[in-house]
């Protein structure tokens, strides 16, 4: 899991586009379950810090 680099599927995007629709959905959904939707971990840390530091209204 990357802190600065997102976790993208290991295959070439051109290969993924050529897959049949349901196979592509299954492949990407499985990757999403295992690694999240691809953002770097620093994004999650940034939002957590924002929520903790922001004063209540």
C-alpha atoms as a PDB file:
ATOM      1  CA  UNK A   1       0.000   0.000   0.000  1.00  0.00           C
ATOM      2  CA  UNK A   2       1.534   3.231  -1.087  1.00  0.00           C
ATOM      3  CA  UNK A   3       1.687   6.346   1.032  1.00  0.00           C
ATOM      4  CA  UNK A   4       2.641   8.745  -1.767  1.00  0.00           C
ATOM      5  CA  UNK A   5       1.777   6.547  -4.761  1.00  0.00           C
ATOM      6  CA  UNK A   6      -1.735   5.223  -5.419  1.00  0.00           C
ATOM      7  CA  UNK A   7      -2.391   1.472  -5.639  1.00  0.00           C
ATOM      8  CA  UNK A   8      -3.497   1.001  -9.231  1.00  0.00           C
ATOM      9  CA  UNK A   9      -4.231  -2.330 -10.914  1.00  0.00           C
ATOM     10  CA  UNK A  10      -0.975  -3.986 -12.027  1.00  0.00           C
ATOM     11  CA  UNK A  11      -2.104  -4.519 -15.632  1.00  0.00           C
ATOM     12  CA  UNK A  12      -1.709  -2.173 -18.558  1.00  0.00           C
ATOM     13  CA  UNK A  13      -4.828   0.071 -18.896  1.00  0.00           C
ATOM     14  CA  UNK A  14      -5.069  -0.823 -22.605  1.00  0.00           C
ATOM     15  CA  UNK A  15      -5.362  -4.510 -21.658  1.00  0.00           C
ATOM     16  CA  UNK A  16      -8.111  -3.748 -19.161  1.00  0.00           C
ATOM     17  CA  UNK A  17     -10.108  -1.768 -21.732  1.00  0.00           C
ATOM     18  CA  UNK A  18      -9.967  -4.708 -24.151  1.00  0.00           C
ATOM     19  CA  UNK A  19     -11.514  -7.103 -21.601  1.00  0.00           C
ATOM     20  CA  UNK A  20     -15.197  -7.978 -21.958  1.00  0.00           C
ATOM     21  CA  UNK A  21     -17.414  -5.754 -19.813  1.00  0.00           C
ATOM     22  CA  UNK A  22     -18.321  -8.220 -17.053  1.00  0.00           C
ATOM     23  CA  UNK A  23     -14.765  -9.551 -16.790  1.00  0.00           C
ATOM     24  CA  UNK A  24     -13.453  -5.973 -16.495  1.00  0.00           C
ATOM     25  CA  UNK A  25     -16.042  -5.138 -13.812  1.00  0.00           C
ATOM     26  CA  UNK A  26     -15.107  -8.235 -11.818  1.00  0.00           C
ATOM     27  CA  UNK A  27     -11.367  -7.531 -12.160  1.00  0.00           C
ATOM     28  CA  UNK A  28     -11.641  -3.887 -11.077  1.00  0.00           C
ATOM     29  CA  UNK A  29     -14.174  -4.602  -8.305  1.00  0.00           C
ATOM     30  CA  UNK A  30     -11.865  -7.244  -6.832  1.00  0.00           C
ATOM     31  CA  UNK A  31      -8.945  -4.807  -6.923  1.00  0.00           C
ATOM     32  CA  UNK A  32     -11.111  -2.134  -5.305  1.00  0.00           C
ATOM     33  CA  UNK A  33     -12.056  -4.479  -2.441  1.00  0.00           C
ATOM     34  CA  UNK A  34      -8.420  -5.420  -1.827  1.00  0.00           C
ATOM     35  CA  UNK A  35      -6.787  -1.981  -2.206  1.00  0.00           C
ATOM     36  CA  UNK A  36      -9.497   0.691  -2.032  1.00  0.00           C
ATOM     37  CA  UNK A  37     -10.345   2.929  -4.939  1.00  0.00           C
ATOM     38  CA  UNK A  38      -6.765   3.856  -5.686  1.00  0.00           C
ATOM     39  CA  UNK A  39      -5.972   6.987  -3.727  1.00  0.00           C
ATOM     40  CA  UNK A  40      -2.663   7.341  -1.977  1.00  0.00           C
ATOM     41  CA  UNK A  41      -2.722   6.870   1.797  1.00  0.00           C
ATOM     42  CA  UNK A  42      -1.680  10.491   2.349  1.00  0.00           C
ATOM     43  CA  UNK A  43      -5.173  11.493   1.163  1.00  0.00           C
ATOM     44  CA  UNK A  44      -6.779   9.493   3.979  1.00  0.00           C
ATOM     45  CA  UNK A  45      -4.319  10.920   6.503  1.00  0.00           C
ATOM     46  CA  UNK A  46      -5.038  14.460   5.281  1.00  0.00           C
ATOM     47  CA  UNK A  47      -8.795  14.075   5.705  1.00  0.00           C
ATOM     48  CA  UNK A  48      -8.332  12.532   9.152  1.00  0.00           C
ATOM     49  CA  UNK A  49      -6.148  15.449  10.251  1.00  0.00           C
ATOM     50  CA  UNK A  50      -8.654  17.908   8.788  1.00  0.00           C
ATOM     51  CA  UNK A  51     -11.514  16.342  10.755  1.00  0.00           C
ATOM     52  CA  UNK A  52      -9.519  16.304  14.000  1.00  0.00           C
ATOM     53  CA  UNK A  53      -8.204  19.882  13.697  1.00  0.00           C
ATOM     54  CA  UNK A  54     -11.297  21.626  12.332  1.00  0.00           C
ATOM     55  CA  UNK A  55     -13.122  23.419  15.147  1.00  0.00           C
ATOM     56  CA  UNK A  56     -16.754  22.469  15.805  1.00  0.00           C
ATOM     57  CA  UNK A  57     -19.403  24.879  14.558  1.00  0.00           C
END
